[in-house]
Amino acid sequence: MFLPKSRSFRLAGRPRCLERGEAGYNSMALSPLVRFGTSTWTYEGWKGEVYKHIYSKGRFKQDCLAEYARYEHEGALLFRTVGFDFSFYGPPSTKQLEHYASLLPEGFEACAKVWEEITIPLFPPGLRYRNKAGPTPRFLDADYFLEQVLAPFEQAFKTHAGPFIFEFQRTGLDPKSRGSGARVLTRARTARRRSCLQPSLRNADA
């Protein structure tokens, strides 16, 4: 965690920099509308800096999220969100989400990648996909998204669920399928509102 030596601001129409230690440097915090976080939290290299607790073998990745969400820099909480990149390879189970929810403070949200079965139109040949290589039958399947991806979050993680990230690849993407993609996003938004993942969106326009 590093901060720049100086931070710019404007005085009489001209920019000037505050030096570290100068009055006002630490008060230039992020807007409460901005959530700062990283794409994942399981960085072994942060042991001793962000992660002070000694974890038993095999528990670091499962439990260190609690420390991540409460890490302070210069007296203030630094991270207010985090990415679930692992969910790209398969939707997390309800039990897994319940565990992560138990580690997080109120108001902390996570952004989860949507399962690749829904966002990749064509699995390329190779060792990773093996016999799955070829067109993806569930690409942009709205019902599959609601059942397999959204449902566990609704059941076990709704107070901490942030945006879902649809990561597409260009290979195999048919321009004609864009309407299908729009339907996925529209239905996901509607389902999210109805399930009260975010209570403030309950009465929002679709």
N, C-alpha and C. Protein backbone atom coordinates (compact mmCIF):
# COMPACT_ATOMS: atom_id res chain seq x y z
N MET A 1 0.84 -1.17 0.00
CA MET A 1 0.00 0.00 0.00
C MET A 1 0.89 1.23 0.00
N PHE A 2 0.92 1.93 -1.10
CA PHE A 2 1.77 3.10 -1.20
C PHE A 2 0.94 4.31 -1.59
N LEU A 3 1.31 5.45 -1.04
CA LEU A 3 0.69 6.71 -1.40
C LEU A 3 1.73 7.57 -2.10
N PRO A 4 1.29 8.41 -3.02
CA PRO A 4 2.24 9.30 -3.68
C PRO A 4 2.80 10.31 -2.70
N LYS A 5 3.96 10.87 -3.04
CA LYS A 5 4.57 11.87 -2.18
C LYS A 5 3.76 13.15 -2.12
N SER A 6 2.98 13.42 -3.16
CA SER A 6 2.21 14.65 -3.19
C SER A 6 0.85 14.41 -3.82
N ARG A 7 -0.09 15.31 -3.54
CA ARG A 7 -1.43 15.25 -4.11
C ARG A 7 -1.78 16.62 -4.65
N SER A 8 -2.33 16.65 -5.84
CA SER A 8 -2.61 17.93 -6.49
C SER A 8 -3.94 18.51 -6.07
N PHE A 9 -4.02 19.84 -5.98
CA PHE A 9 -5.28 20.55 -5.81
C PHE A 9 -5.10 21.92 -6.44
N ARG A 10 -6.19 22.66 -6.58
CA ARG A 10 -6.13 23.95 -7.26
C ARG A 10 -6.22 25.09 -6.26
N LEU A 11 -5.38 26.08 -6.46
CA LEU A 11 -5.36 27.28 -5.64
C LEU A 11 -5.26 28.46 -6.58
N ALA A 12 -6.29 29.34 -6.54
CA ALA A 12 -6.32 30.53 -7.40
C ALA A 12 -6.17 30.15 -8.87
N GLY A 13 -6.80 29.03 -9.24
CA GLY A 13 -6.80 28.63 -10.65
C GLY A 13 -5.58 27.87 -11.10
N ARG A 14 -4.56 27.73 -10.23
CA ARG A 14 -3.35 27.03 -10.63
C ARG A 14 -3.13 25.81 -9.73
N PRO A 15 -2.73 24.67 -10.30
CA PRO A 15 -2.53 23.48 -9.48
C PRO A 15 -1.30 23.59 -8.60
N ARG A 16 -1.39 23.06 -7.40
CA ARG A 16 -0.24 22.96 -6.52
C ARG A 16 -0.32 21.60 -5.84
N CYS A 17 0.76 21.10 -5.33
CA CYS A 17 0.79 19.79 -4.71
C CYS A 17 1.00 19.91 -3.20
N LEU A 18 0.23 19.12 -2.46
CA LEU A 18 0.45 18.99 -1.03
C LEU A 18 1.49 17.89 -0.82
N GLU A 19 2.48 18.17 -0.02
CA GLU A 19 3.50 17.18 0.29
C GLU A 19 3.03 16.30 1.45
N ARG A 20 3.52 15.07 1.49
CA ARG A 20 3.17 14.17 2.58
C ARG A 20 3.58 14.81 3.91
N GLY A 21 2.67 14.80 4.86
CA GLY A 21 2.93 15.43 6.15
C GLY A 21 2.38 16.84 6.24
N GLU A 22 2.08 17.45 5.10
CA GLU A 22 1.54 18.81 5.10
C GLU A 22 0.07 18.78 5.50
N ALA A 23 -0.37 19.82 6.20
CA ALA A 23 -1.77 19.89 6.65
C ALA A 23 -2.71 19.74 5.46
N GLY A 24 -3.68 18.85 5.60
CA GLY A 24 -4.67 18.63 4.55
C GLY A 24 -4.38 17.45 3.66
N TYR A 25 -3.14 16.90 3.74
CA TYR A 25 -2.79 15.77 2.86
C TYR A 25 -3.67 14.56 3.15
N ASN A 26 -3.79 14.17 4.43
CA ASN A 26 -4.54 12.97 4.79
C ASN A 26 -6.05 13.17 4.74
N SER A 27 -6.50 14.44 4.71
CA SER A 27 -7.94 14.69 4.71
C SER A 27 -8.55 14.58 3.33
N MET A 28 -7.72 14.41 2.30
CA MET A 28 -8.22 14.33 0.92
C MET A 28 -8.62 12.89 0.63
N ALA A 29 -9.67 12.44 1.30
CA ALA A 29 -10.10 11.04 1.18
C ALA A 29 -10.99 10.84 -0.04
N LEU A 30 -11.21 9.55 -0.36
CA LEU A 30 -12.11 9.23 -1.46
C LEU A 30 -13.53 9.63 -1.11
N SER A 31 -14.29 9.96 -2.12
CA SER A 31 -15.70 10.24 -1.93
C SER A 31 -16.39 8.99 -1.39
N PRO A 32 -17.39 9.15 -0.53
CA PRO A 32 -18.13 7.97 -0.04
C PRO A 32 -18.85 7.24 -1.16
N LEU A 33 -18.98 7.87 -2.33
CA LEU A 33 -19.60 7.22 -3.48
C LEU A 33 -18.64 6.29 -4.19
N VAL A 34 -17.36 6.38 -3.86
CA VAL A 34 -16.33 5.56 -4.49
C VAL A 34 -15.97 4.41 -3.57
N ARG A 35 -16.00 3.20 -4.11
CA ARG A 35 -15.57 2.02 -3.36
C ARG A 35 -14.26 1.54 -3.94
N PHE A 36 -13.22 1.57 -3.14
CA PHE A 36 -11.89 1.14 -3.57
C PHE A 36 -11.67 -0.30 -3.14
N GLY A 37 -11.13 -1.11 -4.06
CA GLY A 37 -10.85 -2.49 -3.74
C GLY A 37 -9.99 -3.13 -4.82
N THR A 38 -9.69 -4.39 -4.67
CA THR A 38 -8.84 -5.11 -5.62
C THR A 38 -9.63 -6.26 -6.24
N SER A 39 -9.06 -6.84 -7.29
CA SER A 39 -9.79 -7.87 -8.04
C SER A 39 -9.92 -9.18 -7.27
N THR A 40 -9.09 -9.36 -6.27
CA THR A 40 -9.19 -10.50 -5.35
C THR A 40 -8.50 -10.10 -4.06
N TRP A 41 -8.51 -10.95 -3.07
CA TRP A 41 -7.90 -10.61 -1.79
C TRP A 41 -6.83 -11.62 -1.36
N THR A 42 -6.62 -12.67 -2.13
CA THR A 42 -5.78 -13.78 -1.70
C THR A 42 -4.32 -13.60 -2.12
N TYR A 43 -3.75 -12.45 -1.74
CA TYR A 43 -2.37 -12.16 -2.10
C TYR A 43 -1.44 -12.61 -0.97
N GLU A 44 -0.68 -13.67 -1.22
CA GLU A 44 0.26 -14.16 -0.22
C GLU A 44 1.28 -13.10 0.16
N GLY A 45 1.64 -12.26 -0.80
CA GLY A 45 2.65 -11.23 -0.56
C GLY A 45 2.21 -10.15 0.42
N TRP A 46 0.93 -10.12 0.76
CA TRP A 46 0.44 -9.11 1.72
C TRP A 46 0.53 -9.59 3.16
N LYS A 47 1.02 -10.82 3.36
CA LYS A 47 1.19 -11.31 4.73
C LYS A 47 2.21 -10.43 5.44
N GLY A 48 1.85 -10.00 6.64
CA GLY A 48 2.72 -9.12 7.41
C GLY A 48 2.39 -7.66 7.22
N GLU A 49 1.67 -7.33 6.15
CA GLU A 49 1.25 -5.94 5.91
C GLU A 49 -0.25 -5.80 6.11
N VAL A 50 -1.03 -6.38 5.21
CA VAL A 50 -2.48 -6.38 5.36
C VAL A 50 -2.91 -7.50 6.30
N TYR A 51 -2.25 -8.64 6.18
CA TYR A 51 -2.63 -9.82 6.95
C TYR A 51 -1.65 -10.08 8.09
N LYS A 52 -2.09 -9.84 9.29
CA LYS A 52 -1.25 -10.00 10.48
C LYS A 52 -1.48 -11.36 11.16
N HIS A 53 -2.67 -11.92 10.96
CA HIS A 53 -3.03 -13.16 11.63
C HIS A 53 -2.28 -14.33 11.00
N ILE A 54 -1.93 -15.30 11.83
CA ILE A 54 -1.28 -16.52 11.35
C ILE A 54 -2.38 -17.56 11.11
N TYR A 55 -2.55 -17.96 9.87
CA TYR A 55 -3.62 -18.89 9.50
C TYR A 55 -3.09 -20.32 9.45
N SER A 56 -3.93 -21.24 9.82
CA SER A 56 -3.56 -22.65 9.72
C SER A 56 -3.46 -23.03 8.24
N LYS A 57 -2.78 -24.11 7.99
CA LYS A 57 -2.55 -24.53 6.61
C LYS A 57 -3.87 -24.72 5.87
N GLY A 58 -3.97 -24.09 4.72
CA GLY A 58 -5.15 -24.24 3.88
C GLY A 58 -6.29 -23.29 4.21
N ARG A 59 -6.14 -22.44 5.27
CA ARG A 59 -7.23 -21.56 5.66
C ARG A 59 -7.01 -20.11 5.22
N PHE A 60 -5.86 -19.78 4.71
CA PHE A 60 -5.58 -18.39 4.36
C PHE A 60 -6.60 -17.83 3.37
N LYS A 61 -6.78 -18.50 2.25
CA LYS A 61 -7.69 -18.01 1.22
C LYS A 61 -9.14 -17.98 1.69
N GLN A 62 -9.49 -18.89 2.57
CA GLN A 62 -10.87 -18.97 3.04
C GLN A 62 -11.21 -17.91 4.08
N ASP A 63 -10.21 -17.52 4.91
CA ASP A 63 -10.52 -16.71 6.08
C ASP A 63 -9.94 -15.30 6.09
N CYS A 64 -8.94 -15.01 5.26
CA CYS A 64 -8.27 -13.71 5.37
C CYS A 64 -9.11 -12.55 4.84
N LEU A 65 -10.26 -12.84 4.23
CA LEU A 65 -11.13 -11.77 3.75
C LEU A 65 -11.58 -10.87 4.90
N ALA A 66 -11.70 -11.42 6.09
CA ALA A 66 -12.11 -10.62 7.26
C ALA A 66 -11.09 -9.52 7.54
N GLU A 67 -9.81 -9.84 7.44
CA GLU A 67 -8.76 -8.84 7.66
C GLU A 67 -8.73 -7.83 6.52
N TYR A 68 -8.89 -8.32 5.31
CA TYR A 68 -8.90 -7.44 4.14
C TYR A 68 -9.96 -6.35 4.30
N ALA A 69 -11.15 -6.74 4.69
CA ALA A 69 -12.28 -5.81 4.77
C ALA A 69 -12.13 -4.82 5.92
N ARG A 70 -11.21 -5.09 6.84
CA ARG A 70 -11.04 -4.21 8.00
C ARG A 70 -9.66 -3.55 8.03
N TYR A 71 -8.91 -3.69 6.97
CA TYR A 71 -7.57 -3.12 6.93
C TYR A 71 -7.64 -1.60 6.91
N GLU A 72 -6.84 -0.97 7.75
CA GLU A 72 -6.82 0.49 7.84
C GLU A 72 -5.48 1.03 7.36
N HIS A 73 -5.56 2.13 6.64
CA HIS A 73 -4.36 2.86 6.21
C HIS A 73 -4.47 4.29 6.73
N GLU A 74 -3.52 4.68 7.54
CA GLU A 74 -3.52 6.01 8.14
C GLU A 74 -4.82 6.30 8.87
N GLY A 75 -5.30 5.29 9.59
CA GLY A 75 -6.46 5.48 10.45
C GLY A 75 -7.82 5.35 9.80
N ALA A 76 -7.85 5.00 8.52
CA ALA A 76 -9.14 4.88 7.83
C ALA A 76 -9.20 3.55 7.09
N LEU A 77 -10.41 2.97 7.01
CA LEU A 77 -10.59 1.74 6.24
C LEU A 77 -10.24 1.99 4.78
N LEU A 78 -9.43 1.10 4.22
CA LEU A 78 -8.98 1.30 2.84
C LEU A 78 -9.90 0.62 1.83
N PHE A 79 -10.27 -0.63 2.09
CA PHE A 79 -11.04 -1.40 1.12
C PHE A 79 -12.52 -1.43 1.49
N ARG A 80 -13.36 -1.08 0.52
CA ARG A 80 -14.81 -1.13 0.75
C ARG A 80 -15.50 -2.05 -0.25
N THR A 81 -14.70 -2.72 -1.08
CA THR A 81 -15.23 -3.70 -2.02
C THR A 81 -14.11 -4.65 -2.39
N VAL A 82 -14.45 -5.75 -3.06
CA VAL A 82 -13.46 -6.71 -3.53
C VAL A 82 -14.06 -7.47 -4.70
N GLY A 83 -13.21 -8.05 -5.52
CA GLY A 83 -13.69 -8.84 -6.64
C GLY A 83 -13.70 -10.33 -6.33
N PHE A 84 -14.74 -11.00 -6.78
CA PHE A 84 -14.80 -12.46 -6.76
C PHE A 84 -14.42 -12.92 -8.16
N ASP A 85 -13.14 -13.10 -8.42
CA ASP A 85 -12.74 -13.56 -9.75
C ASP A 85 -12.89 -15.07 -9.89
N PHE A 86 -12.88 -15.79 -8.77
CA PHE A 86 -13.01 -17.24 -8.82
C PHE A 86 -14.37 -17.68 -9.36
N SER A 87 -15.38 -16.82 -9.24
CA SER A 87 -16.72 -17.18 -9.69
C SER A 87 -16.83 -17.25 -11.21
N PHE A 88 -15.80 -16.81 -11.91
CA PHE A 88 -15.76 -16.94 -13.36
C PHE A 88 -15.65 -18.41 -13.76
N TYR A 89 -15.03 -19.21 -12.91
CA TYR A 89 -14.78 -20.61 -13.23
C TYR A 89 -15.88 -21.54 -12.72
N GLY A 90 -16.80 -20.99 -11.98
CA GLY A 90 -17.92 -21.77 -11.47
C GLY A 90 -18.63 -20.99 -10.39
N PRO A 91 -19.96 -21.01 -10.36
CA PRO A 91 -20.69 -20.24 -9.35
C PRO A 91 -20.40 -20.74 -7.95
N PRO A 92 -20.18 -19.84 -7.00
CA PRO A 92 -19.93 -20.27 -5.62
C PRO A 92 -21.17 -20.93 -5.02
N SER A 93 -20.94 -21.84 -4.11
CA SER A 93 -22.05 -22.51 -3.44
C SER A 93 -22.65 -21.60 -2.37
N THR A 94 -23.84 -21.95 -1.94
CA THR A 94 -24.49 -21.20 -0.88
C THR A 94 -23.66 -21.25 0.40
N LYS A 95 -23.09 -22.40 0.69
CA LYS A 95 -22.26 -22.55 1.89
C LYS A 95 -21.03 -21.65 1.81
N GLN A 96 -20.42 -21.60 0.66
CA GLN A 96 -19.24 -20.76 0.46
C GLN A 96 -19.58 -19.29 0.65
N LEU A 97 -20.69 -18.86 0.09
CA LEU A 97 -21.11 -17.46 0.22
C LEU A 97 -21.51 -17.13 1.65
N GLU A 98 -22.14 -18.07 2.33
CA GLU A 98 -22.48 -17.85 3.74
C GLU A 98 -21.23 -17.61 4.57
N HIS A 99 -20.18 -18.35 4.28
CA HIS A 99 -18.92 -18.19 5.01
C HIS A 99 -18.32 -16.81 4.74
N TYR A 100 -18.26 -16.41 3.48
CA TYR A 100 -17.70 -15.09 3.16
C TYR A 100 -18.54 -13.97 3.77
N ALA A 101 -19.85 -14.13 3.74
CA ALA A 101 -20.73 -13.11 4.34
C ALA A 101 -20.47 -12.97 5.83
N SER A 102 -20.15 -14.07 6.49
CA SER A 102 -19.90 -14.02 7.93
C SER A 102 -18.62 -13.27 8.26
N LEU A 103 -17.74 -13.09 7.28
CA LEU A 103 -16.46 -12.42 7.50
C LEU A 103 -16.53 -10.91 7.26
N LEU A 104 -17.59 -10.45 6.61
CA LEU A 104 -17.63 -9.07 6.13
C LEU A 104 -18.42 -8.15 7.06
N PRO A 105 -17.96 -6.90 7.20
CA PRO A 105 -18.71 -5.93 8.00
C PRO A 105 -19.90 -5.38 7.22
N GLU A 106 -20.81 -4.77 7.91
CA GLU A 106 -21.99 -4.18 7.28
C GLU A 106 -21.57 -3.12 6.26
N GLY A 107 -22.22 -3.12 5.12
CA GLY A 107 -21.96 -2.13 4.09
C GLY A 107 -20.87 -2.49 3.10
N PHE A 108 -20.16 -3.61 3.33
CA PHE A 108 -19.11 -4.04 2.42
C PHE A 108 -19.73 -4.86 1.30
N GLU A 109 -19.38 -4.54 0.04
CA GLU A 109 -19.95 -5.24 -1.11
C GLU A 109 -18.86 -5.90 -1.95
N ALA A 110 -19.20 -7.01 -2.57
CA ALA A 110 -18.29 -7.72 -3.46
C ALA A 110 -18.84 -7.71 -4.88
N CYS A 111 -17.94 -7.62 -5.85
CA CYS A 111 -18.31 -7.66 -7.27
C CYS A 111 -17.91 -9.03 -7.82
N ALA A 112 -18.85 -9.78 -8.30
CA ALA A 112 -18.58 -11.15 -8.73
C ALA A 112 -18.61 -11.29 -10.25
N LYS A 113 -17.61 -11.98 -10.78
CA LYS A 113 -17.62 -12.31 -12.20
C LYS A 113 -18.65 -13.41 -12.44
N VAL A 114 -19.33 -13.29 -13.57
CA VAL A 114 -20.34 -14.30 -13.94
C VAL A 114 -19.64 -15.50 -14.56
N TRP A 115 -20.17 -16.67 -14.28
CA TRP A 115 -19.63 -17.94 -14.74
C TRP A 115 -19.37 -17.93 -16.25
N GLU A 116 -18.21 -18.44 -16.63
CA GLU A 116 -17.81 -18.45 -18.04
C GLU A 116 -18.74 -19.28 -18.92
N GLU A 117 -19.47 -20.20 -18.34
CA GLU A 117 -20.44 -20.99 -19.12
C GLU A 117 -21.49 -20.07 -19.74
N ILE A 118 -21.68 -18.90 -19.15
CA ILE A 118 -22.69 -17.96 -19.62
C ILE A 118 -22.09 -16.83 -20.45
N THR A 119 -20.81 -16.53 -20.22
CA THR A 119 -20.22 -15.35 -20.88
C THR A 119 -19.28 -15.67 -22.03
N ILE A 120 -18.89 -16.93 -22.20
CA ILE A 120 -18.00 -17.30 -23.30
C ILE A 120 -18.81 -18.03 -24.38
N PRO A 121 -18.84 -17.50 -25.59
CA PRO A 121 -19.66 -18.13 -26.64
C PRO A 121 -19.05 -19.40 -27.20
N LEU A 122 -17.70 -19.52 -27.12
CA LEU A 122 -17.02 -20.64 -27.76
C LEU A 122 -15.82 -21.04 -26.92
N PHE A 123 -15.84 -22.27 -26.40
CA PHE A 123 -14.69 -22.76 -25.65
C PHE A 123 -13.61 -23.22 -26.64
N PRO A 124 -12.40 -22.69 -26.54
CA PRO A 124 -11.34 -23.07 -27.48
C PRO A 124 -10.81 -24.46 -27.17
N PRO A 125 -10.19 -25.11 -28.16
CA PRO A 125 -9.59 -26.42 -27.91
C PRO A 125 -8.38 -26.29 -26.99
N GLY A 126 -8.08 -27.35 -26.28
CA GLY A 126 -6.92 -27.33 -25.39
C GLY A 126 -7.19 -28.15 -24.14
N LEU A 127 -6.18 -28.22 -23.28
CA LEU A 127 -6.28 -29.06 -22.10
C LEU A 127 -7.32 -28.57 -21.11
N ARG A 128 -7.51 -27.26 -21.04
CA ARG A 128 -8.41 -26.73 -20.02
C ARG A 128 -9.86 -27.17 -20.25
N TYR A 129 -10.32 -27.03 -21.50
CA TYR A 129 -11.73 -27.33 -21.77
C TYR A 129 -11.95 -28.76 -22.28
N ARG A 130 -10.91 -29.36 -22.82
CA ARG A 130 -10.96 -30.75 -23.25
C ARG A 130 -12.19 -31.05 -24.12
N ASN A 131 -13.10 -31.92 -23.65
CA ASN A 131 -14.25 -32.31 -24.47
C ASN A 131 -15.35 -31.24 -24.52
N LYS A 132 -15.16 -30.12 -23.81
CA LYS A 132 -16.14 -29.05 -23.84
C LYS A 132 -15.87 -28.06 -24.98
N ALA A 133 -14.75 -28.22 -25.67
CA ALA A 133 -14.39 -27.29 -26.74
C ALA A 133 -15.50 -27.19 -27.78
N GLY A 134 -15.80 -25.96 -28.17
CA GLY A 134 -16.86 -25.74 -29.15
C GLY A 134 -17.87 -24.73 -28.62
N PRO A 135 -18.96 -24.54 -29.33
CA PRO A 135 -19.98 -23.57 -28.91
C PRO A 135 -20.51 -23.88 -27.51
N THR A 136 -20.72 -22.84 -26.74
CA THR A 136 -21.21 -22.99 -25.37
C THR A 136 -22.74 -22.99 -25.38
N PRO A 137 -23.37 -24.07 -24.99
CA PRO A 137 -24.84 -24.15 -25.07
C PRO A 137 -25.57 -23.17 -24.15
N ARG A 138 -24.89 -22.71 -23.09
CA ARG A 138 -25.54 -21.82 -22.13
C ARG A 138 -25.15 -20.36 -22.30
N PHE A 139 -24.53 -20.03 -23.42
CA PHE A 139 -24.09 -18.65 -23.63
C PHE A 139 -25.28 -17.68 -23.59
N LEU A 140 -25.20 -16.70 -22.70
CA LEU A 140 -26.23 -15.68 -22.52
C LEU A 140 -27.62 -16.28 -22.24
N ASP A 141 -27.62 -17.37 -21.51
CA ASP A 141 -28.88 -18.01 -21.12
C ASP A 141 -29.38 -17.33 -19.85
N ALA A 142 -30.40 -16.51 -19.99
CA ALA A 142 -30.89 -15.71 -18.86
C ALA A 142 -31.41 -16.59 -17.73
N ASP A 143 -32.16 -17.63 -18.06
CA ASP A 143 -32.71 -18.52 -17.03
C ASP A 143 -31.60 -19.23 -16.27
N TYR A 144 -30.58 -19.65 -17.00
CA TYR A 144 -29.46 -20.34 -16.37
C TYR A 144 -28.73 -19.40 -15.41
N PHE A 145 -28.59 -18.14 -15.82
CA PHE A 145 -27.96 -17.14 -14.94
C PHE A 145 -28.77 -16.97 -13.66
N LEU A 146 -30.07 -16.83 -13.80
CA LEU A 146 -30.92 -16.61 -12.63
C LEU A 146 -30.88 -17.81 -11.68
N GLU A 147 -30.84 -19.01 -12.25
CA GLU A 147 -30.88 -20.22 -11.42
C GLU A 147 -29.52 -20.56 -10.81
N GLN A 148 -28.48 -20.50 -11.62
CA GLN A 148 -27.18 -20.99 -11.19
C GLN A 148 -26.30 -19.92 -10.54
N VAL A 149 -26.43 -18.69 -10.99
CA VAL A 149 -25.54 -17.62 -10.50
C VAL A 149 -26.24 -16.74 -9.46
N LEU A 150 -27.38 -16.21 -9.83
CA LEU A 150 -28.04 -15.25 -8.95
C LEU A 150 -28.64 -15.89 -7.70
N ALA A 151 -29.21 -17.09 -7.84
CA ALA A 151 -29.92 -17.72 -6.73
C ALA A 151 -29.07 -17.89 -5.47
N PRO A 152 -27.82 -18.40 -5.56
CA PRO A 152 -27.01 -18.53 -4.34
C PRO A 152 -26.72 -17.19 -3.67
N PHE A 153 -26.52 -16.15 -4.47
CA PHE A 153 -26.26 -14.82 -3.91
C PHE A 153 -27.51 -14.30 -3.19
N GLU A 154 -28.66 -14.54 -3.79
CA GLU A 154 -29.91 -14.11 -3.17
C GLU A 154 -30.12 -14.80 -1.83
N GLN A 155 -29.77 -16.06 -1.78
CA GLN A 155 -30.02 -16.84 -0.57
C GLN A 155 -29.03 -16.55 0.54
N ALA A 156 -27.75 -16.35 0.18
CA ALA A 156 -26.72 -16.32 1.22
C ALA A 156 -25.85 -15.06 1.25
N PHE A 157 -26.01 -14.16 0.28
CA PHE A 157 -25.05 -13.05 0.20
C PHE A 157 -25.71 -11.73 -0.18
N LYS A 158 -27.02 -11.63 -0.04
CA LYS A 158 -27.71 -10.48 -0.60
C LYS A 158 -27.34 -9.15 0.04
N THR A 159 -26.91 -9.14 1.30
CA THR A 159 -26.56 -7.87 1.94
C THR A 159 -25.16 -7.39 1.54
N HIS A 160 -24.41 -8.24 0.85
CA HIS A 160 -23.05 -7.87 0.44
C HIS A 160 -22.85 -7.95 -1.07
N ALA A 161 -23.90 -8.21 -1.82
CA ALA A 161 -23.78 -8.37 -3.27
C ALA A 161 -23.70 -7.02 -3.97
N GLY A 162 -22.64 -6.83 -4.73
CA GLY A 162 -22.49 -5.64 -5.55
C GLY A 162 -22.78 -5.98 -7.00
N PRO A 163 -22.18 -5.27 -7.95
CA PRO A 163 -22.42 -5.54 -9.37
C PRO A 163 -21.89 -6.91 -9.79
N PHE A 164 -22.55 -7.51 -10.76
CA PHE A 164 -22.03 -8.71 -11.41
C PHE A 164 -21.26 -8.28 -12.65
N ILE A 165 -20.12 -8.92 -12.88
CA ILE A 165 -19.24 -8.57 -13.99
C ILE A 165 -19.37 -9.62 -15.08
N PHE A 166 -19.81 -9.20 -16.26
CA PHE A 166 -19.88 -10.08 -17.42
C PHE A 166 -18.61 -9.88 -18.25
N GLU A 167 -17.72 -10.86 -18.21
CA GLU A 167 -16.45 -10.78 -18.94
C GLU A 167 -16.56 -11.59 -20.22
N PHE A 168 -16.63 -10.89 -21.35
CA PHE A 168 -16.79 -11.57 -22.63
C PHE A 168 -15.46 -11.70 -23.36
N GLN A 169 -15.38 -12.67 -24.24
CA GLN A 169 -14.24 -12.77 -25.14
C GLN A 169 -14.74 -12.58 -26.57
N ARG A 170 -13.86 -12.07 -27.40
CA ARG A 170 -14.27 -11.74 -28.77
C ARG A 170 -14.45 -12.98 -29.63
N THR A 171 -13.64 -13.99 -29.41
CA THR A 171 -13.68 -15.19 -30.23
C THR A 171 -15.04 -15.88 -30.14
N GLY A 172 -15.66 -16.11 -31.29
CA GLY A 172 -16.92 -16.82 -31.33
C GLY A 172 -18.13 -15.97 -31.03
N LEU A 173 -17.93 -14.67 -30.82
CA LEU A 173 -19.06 -13.80 -30.47
C LEU A 173 -19.81 -13.40 -31.73
N ASP A 174 -21.08 -13.72 -31.78
CA ASP A 174 -21.93 -13.41 -32.92
C ASP A 174 -22.65 -12.09 -32.66
N PRO A 175 -22.46 -11.08 -33.51
CA PRO A 175 -23.15 -9.80 -33.30
C PRO A 175 -24.65 -9.95 -33.16
N LYS A 176 -25.22 -10.98 -33.78
CA LYS A 176 -26.66 -11.18 -33.72
C LYS A 176 -27.13 -11.56 -32.31
N SER A 177 -26.18 -12.00 -31.46
CA SER A 177 -26.56 -12.44 -30.11
C SER A 177 -26.63 -11.29 -29.11
N ARG A 178 -26.35 -10.07 -29.56
CA ARG A 178 -26.35 -8.94 -28.63
C ARG A 178 -27.72 -8.71 -27.98
N GLY A 179 -28.77 -8.94 -28.75
CA GLY A 179 -30.09 -8.78 -28.17
C GLY A 179 -30.31 -9.77 -27.04
N SER A 180 -29.77 -10.96 -27.20
CA SER A 180 -29.86 -11.96 -26.16
C SER A 180 -29.11 -11.50 -24.91
N GLY A 181 -27.94 -10.87 -25.12
CA GLY A 181 -27.16 -10.36 -24.00
C GLY A 181 -27.90 -9.28 -23.25
N ALA A 182 -28.58 -8.42 -23.99
CA ALA A 182 -29.36 -7.35 -23.35
C ALA A 182 -30.48 -7.94 -22.50
N ARG A 183 -31.08 -9.04 -22.98
CA ARG A 183 -32.14 -9.69 -22.21
C ARG A 183 -31.60 -10.27 -20.92
N VAL A 184 -30.38 -10.83 -20.97
CA VAL A 184 -29.76 -11.36 -19.75
C VAL A 184 -29.61 -10.26 -18.72
N LEU A 185 -29.05 -9.12 -19.14
CA LEU A 185 -28.80 -8.03 -18.21
C LEU A 185 -30.10 -7.45 -17.68
N THR A 186 -31.09 -7.32 -18.54
CA THR A 186 -32.38 -6.77 -18.10
C THR A 186 -33.05 -7.69 -17.09
N ARG A 187 -33.05 -8.99 -17.38
CA ARG A 187 -33.69 -9.93 -16.47
C ARG A 187 -32.92 -10.04 -15.16
N ALA A 188 -31.59 -9.95 -15.24
CA ALA A 188 -30.78 -10.00 -14.02
C ALA A 188 -31.09 -8.79 -13.14
N ARG A 189 -31.22 -7.64 -13.76
CA ARG A 189 -31.52 -6.43 -12.99
C ARG A 189 -32.90 -6.53 -12.34
N THR A 190 -33.86 -7.05 -13.10
CA THR A 190 -35.21 -7.19 -12.56
C THR A 190 -35.23 -8.19 -11.41
N ALA A 191 -34.56 -9.32 -11.59
CA ALA A 191 -34.51 -10.33 -10.54
C ALA A 191 -33.79 -9.80 -9.32
N ARG A 192 -32.74 -9.05 -9.52
CA ARG A 192 -31.99 -8.46 -8.41
C ARG A 192 -32.88 -7.54 -7.59
N ARG A 193 -33.66 -6.72 -8.31
CA ARG A 193 -34.53 -5.78 -7.61
C ARG A 193 -35.60 -6.53 -6.82
N ARG A 194 -36.23 -7.52 -7.44
CA ARG A 194 -37.31 -8.25 -6.79
C ARG A 194 -36.84 -9.06 -5.60
N SER A 195 -35.60 -9.55 -5.67
CA SER A 195 -35.09 -10.36 -4.57
C SER A 195 -34.52 -9.51 -3.45
N CYS A 196 -34.50 -8.19 -3.67
CA CYS A 196 -34.04 -7.25 -2.63
C CYS A 196 -32.57 -7.44 -2.31
N LEU A 197 -31.75 -7.79 -3.32
CA LEU A 197 -30.31 -7.79 -3.08
C LEU A 197 -29.87 -6.41 -2.63
N GLN A 198 -30.50 -5.40 -3.19
CA GLN A 198 -30.27 -4.03 -2.76
C GLN A 198 -31.62 -3.42 -2.47
N PRO A 199 -32.02 -3.30 -1.20
CA PRO A 199 -33.35 -2.78 -0.86
C PRO A 199 -33.66 -1.44 -1.49
N SER A 200 -32.64 -0.61 -1.71
CA SER A 200 -32.88 0.71 -2.27
C SER A 200 -33.35 0.65 -3.70
N LEU A 201 -33.15 -0.52 -4.37
CA LEU A 201 -33.54 -0.65 -5.77
C LEU A 201 -34.93 -1.28 -5.91
N ARG A 202 -35.56 -1.59 -4.78
CA ARG A 202 -36.83 -2.33 -4.83
C ARG A 202 -37.86 -1.63 -5.70
N ASN A 203 -37.94 -0.31 -5.61
CA ASN A 203 -38.95 0.44 -6.35
C ASN A 203 -38.38 1.19 -7.55
N ALA A 204 -37.14 0.83 -7.92
CA ALA A 204 -36.51 1.53 -9.05
C ALA A 204 -37.14 1.09 -10.35
N ASP A 205 -37.02 1.92 -11.36
CA ASP A 205 -37.54 1.56 -12.68
C ASP A 205 -36.66 0.48 -13.28
N ALA A 206 -37.24 -0.43 -14.01
CA ALA A 206 -36.48 -1.50 -14.65
C ALA A 206 -35.68 -0.92 -15.80
